[in-house]
Amino acid sequence: MKQDRILSMLGLAEKAGRIASGEFSAEKAVKSHKAYLVIVASDASDNTKKMFQNMCSYHRVPCFIYGTKEELGHYIGKQYRASVAVTEEGFAKSLVSKLQILEKTE
């Protein structure tokens, strides 16, 4: 399944130390220009989604709503995570292309 490939890649990025997870860390990564991609859980609060979408568009960082808090947390080996920032360009580009393909098929 496509979805699992995206979440598995997040797991790889986490193992490589290229993930900032949780609202505070993800926000810090975006504002310090270290984030190349932000993924917000589909079951995150509307305020969280809006905050990240606005902040990411301001800082020109791609932002996608994807997976659940439980899935995002599980695949990076943590508790529930509402938001995850990818801080490595290669991982981010690959994930963005997969997420864009997924958006077109939905």
C-alpha atoms as a PDB file:
ATOM      1  CA  MET A   1       0.000   0.000   0.000  1.00  0.00           C
ATOM      2  CA  LYS A   2       1.256   3.486  -0.903  1.00  0.00           C
ATOM      3  CA  GLN A   3       0.444   4.921   2.503  1.00  0.00           C
ATOM      4  CA  ASP A   4       2.794   2.533   4.247  1.00  0.00           C
ATOM      5  CA  ARG A   5       5.671   3.535   1.934  1.00  0.00           C
ATOM      6  CA  ILE A   6       5.292   7.148   3.035  1.00  0.00           C
ATOM      7  CA  LEU A   7       5.097   6.251   6.715  1.00  0.00           C
ATOM      8  CA  SER A   8       8.011   3.794   6.366  1.00  0.00           C
ATOM      9  CA  MET A   9      10.115   6.556   4.818  1.00  0.00           C
ATOM     10  CA  LEU A  10       9.338   8.718   7.849  1.00  0.00           C
ATOM     11  CA  GLY A  11      10.657   5.851   9.976  1.00  0.00           C
ATOM     12  CA  LEU A  12      13.879   5.770   7.942  1.00  0.00           C
ATOM     13  CA  ALA A  13      14.241   9.540   8.245  1.00  0.00           C
ATOM     14  CA  GLU A  14      13.774   9.223  12.025  1.00  0.00           C
ATOM     15  CA  LYS A  15      16.476   6.529  12.216  1.00  0.00           C
ATOM     16  CA  ALA A  16      18.774   8.861  10.290  1.00  0.00           C
ATOM     17  CA  GLY A  17      18.007  11.616  12.816  1.00  0.00           C
ATOM     18  CA  ARG A  18      16.238  13.752  10.212  1.00  0.00           C
ATOM     19  CA  ILE A  19      12.867  14.193  11.894  1.00  0.00           C
ATOM     20  CA  ALA A  20      11.656  16.917  14.232  1.00  0.00           C
ATOM     21  CA  SER A  21       8.451  15.589  15.764  1.00  0.00           C
ATOM     22  CA  GLY A  22       5.810  17.198  17.919  1.00  0.00           C
ATOM     23  CA  GLU A  23       4.382  20.677  17.507  1.00  0.00           C
ATOM     24  CA  PHE A  24       7.156  22.578  19.276  1.00  0.00           C
ATOM     25  CA  SER A  25      10.064  20.858  17.484  1.00  0.00           C
ATOM     26  CA  ALA A  26       8.364  20.922  14.083  1.00  0.00           C
ATOM     27  CA  GLU A  27       7.539  24.623  14.460  1.00  0.00           C
ATOM     28  CA  LYS A  28      11.126  25.386  15.510  1.00  0.00           C
ATOM     29  CA  ALA A  29      12.474  23.454  12.486  1.00  0.00           C
ATOM     30  CA  VAL A  30      10.276  25.451  10.089  1.00  0.00           C
ATOM     31  CA  LYS A  31      11.098  28.823  11.627  1.00  0.00           C
ATOM     32  CA  SER A  32      14.840  28.098  11.676  1.00  0.00           C
ATOM     33  CA  HIS A  33      14.714  27.051   7.987  1.00  0.00           C
ATOM     34  CA  LYS A  34      15.740  23.478   8.784  1.00  0.00           C
ATOM     35  CA  ALA A  35      12.479  21.829   7.659  1.00  0.00           C
ATOM     36  CA  TYR A  36      11.991  20.744   4.044  1.00  0.00           C
ATOM     37  CA  LEU A  37       8.567  19.171   4.617  1.00  0.00           C
ATOM     38  CA  VAL A  38       5.899  19.146   7.314  1.00  0.00           C
ATOM     39  CA  ILE A  39       3.284  16.443   7.708  1.00  0.00           C
ATOM     40  CA  VAL A  40       0.327  17.132  10.006  1.00  0.00           C
ATOM     41  CA  ALA A  41      -1.921  14.279  11.157  1.00  0.00           C
ATOM     42  CA  SER A  42      -5.418  14.244   9.682  1.00  0.00           C
ATOM     43  CA  ASP A  43      -6.866  13.974  13.189  1.00  0.00           C
ATOM     44  CA  ALA A  44      -4.873  16.928  14.559  1.00  0.00           C
ATOM     45  CA  SER A  45      -6.964  19.883  15.739  1.00  0.00           C
ATOM     46  CA  ASP A  46      -8.138  22.401  13.147  1.00  0.00           C
ATOM     47  CA  ASN A  47      -6.046  25.059  14.908  1.00  0.00           C
ATOM     48  CA  THR A  48      -2.907  22.915  14.582  1.00  0.00           C
ATOM     49  CA  LYS A  49      -3.549  22.257  10.882  1.00  0.00           C
ATOM     50  CA  LYS A  50      -4.223  25.940  10.190  1.00  0.00           C
ATOM     51  CA  MET A  51      -1.193  27.108  12.174  1.00  0.00           C
ATOM     52  CA  PHE A  52       1.151  24.769  10.290  1.00  0.00           C
ATOM     53  CA  GLN A  53      -0.391  25.493   6.886  1.00  0.00           C
ATOM     54  CA  ASN A  54      -0.045  29.251   7.416  1.00  0.00           C
ATOM     55  CA  MET A  55       3.470  29.010   8.848  1.00  0.00           C
ATOM     56  CA  CYS A  56       4.620  26.625   6.090  1.00  0.00           C
ATOM     57  CA  SER A  57       3.221  28.766   3.294  1.00  0.00           C
ATOM     58  CA  TYR A  58       4.926  31.826   4.820  1.00  0.00           C
ATOM     59  CA  HIS A  59       8.271  29.995   5.066  1.00  0.00           C
ATOM     60  CA  ARG A  60       7.715  28.206   1.723  1.00  0.00           C
ATOM     61  CA  VAL A  61       7.841  24.698   3.199  1.00  0.00           C
ATOM     62  CA  PRO A  62       5.559  22.032   1.677  1.00  0.00           C
ATOM     63  CA  CYS A  63       2.873  20.974   4.156  1.00  0.00           C
ATOM     64  CA  PHE A  64       0.643  17.919   3.838  1.00  0.00           C
ATOM     65  CA  ILE A  65      -2.178  16.530   5.955  1.00  0.00           C
ATOM     66  CA  TYR A  66      -1.500  12.818   6.138  1.00  0.00           C
ATOM     67  CA  GLY A  67      -1.988   9.796   8.382  1.00  0.00           C
ATOM     68  CA  THR A  68      -3.257   9.833  11.944  1.00  0.00           C
ATOM     69  CA  LYS A  69      -1.467  10.945  15.102  1.00  0.00           C
ATOM     70  CA  GLU A  70      -1.141   7.297  16.069  1.00  0.00           C
ATOM     71  CA  GLU A  71       0.369   6.297  12.671  1.00  0.00           C
ATOM     72  CA  LEU A  72       2.823   9.213  12.615  1.00  0.00           C
ATOM     73  CA  GLY A  73       3.955   8.416  16.148  1.00  0.00           C
ATOM     74  CA  HIS A  74       4.117   4.663  15.590  1.00  0.00           C
ATOM     75  CA  TYR A  75       6.265   4.850  12.454  1.00  0.00           C
ATOM     76  CA  ILE A  76       8.843   7.106  14.085  1.00  0.00           C
ATOM     77  CA  GLY A  77       8.855   5.039  17.272  1.00  0.00           C
ATOM     78  CA  LYS A  78       7.211   7.630  19.511  1.00  0.00           C
ATOM     79  CA  GLN A  79       3.885   8.317  21.185  1.00  0.00           C
ATOM     80  CA  TYR A  80       1.148  10.120  19.268  1.00  0.00           C
ATOM     81  CA  ARG A  81       2.500  12.889  17.044  1.00  0.00           C
ATOM     82  CA  ALA A  82       0.271  15.560  15.488  1.00  0.00           C
ATOM     83  CA  SER A  83       3.083  16.978  13.372  1.00  0.00           C
ATOM     84  CA  VAL A  84       6.390  15.862  11.927  1.00  0.00           C
ATOM     85  CA  ALA A  85       9.021  17.960  10.119  1.00  0.00           C
ATOM     86  CA  VAL A  86      11.557  16.331   7.783  1.00  0.00           C
ATOM     87  CA  THR A  87      14.925  18.105   8.061  1.00  0.00           C
ATOM     88  CA  GLU A  88      16.791  16.395   5.225  1.00  0.00           C
ATOM     89  CA  GLU A  89      16.232  17.564   1.655  1.00  0.00           C
ATOM     90  CA  GLY A  90      16.554  14.170  -0.059  1.00  0.00           C
ATOM     91  CA  PHE A  91      13.989  12.472   2.185  1.00  0.00           C
ATOM     92  CA  ALA A  92      11.682  15.479   1.907  1.00  0.00           C
ATOM     93  CA  LYS A  93      11.794  15.620  -1.914  1.00  0.00           C
ATOM     94  CA  SER A  94      11.049  11.922  -2.198  1.00  0.00           C
ATOM     95  CA  LEU A  95       8.160  12.170   0.282  1.00  0.00           C
ATOM     96  CA  VAL A  96       6.732  15.287  -1.404  1.00  0.00           C
ATOM     97  CA  SER A  97       6.628  13.544  -4.783  1.00  0.00           C
ATOM     98  CA  LYS A  98       4.883  10.498  -3.241  1.00  0.00           C
ATOM     99  CA  LEU A  99       2.391  12.704  -1.380  1.00  0.00           C
ATOM    100  CA  GLN A 100       1.644  14.740  -4.527  1.00  0.00           C
ATOM    101  CA  ILE A 101       0.964  11.551  -6.514  1.00  0.00           C
ATOM    102  CA  LEU A 102      -1.317  10.378  -3.710  1.00  0.00           C
ATOM    103  CA  GLU A 103      -3.200  13.720  -3.707  1.00  0.00           C
ATOM    104  CA  LYS A 104      -3.831  13.435  -7.460  1.00  0.00           C
ATOM    105  CA  THR A 105      -5.257   9.920  -7.121  1.00  0.00           C
ATOM    106  CA  GLU A 106      -7.660  10.815  -4.302  1.00  0.00           C
END
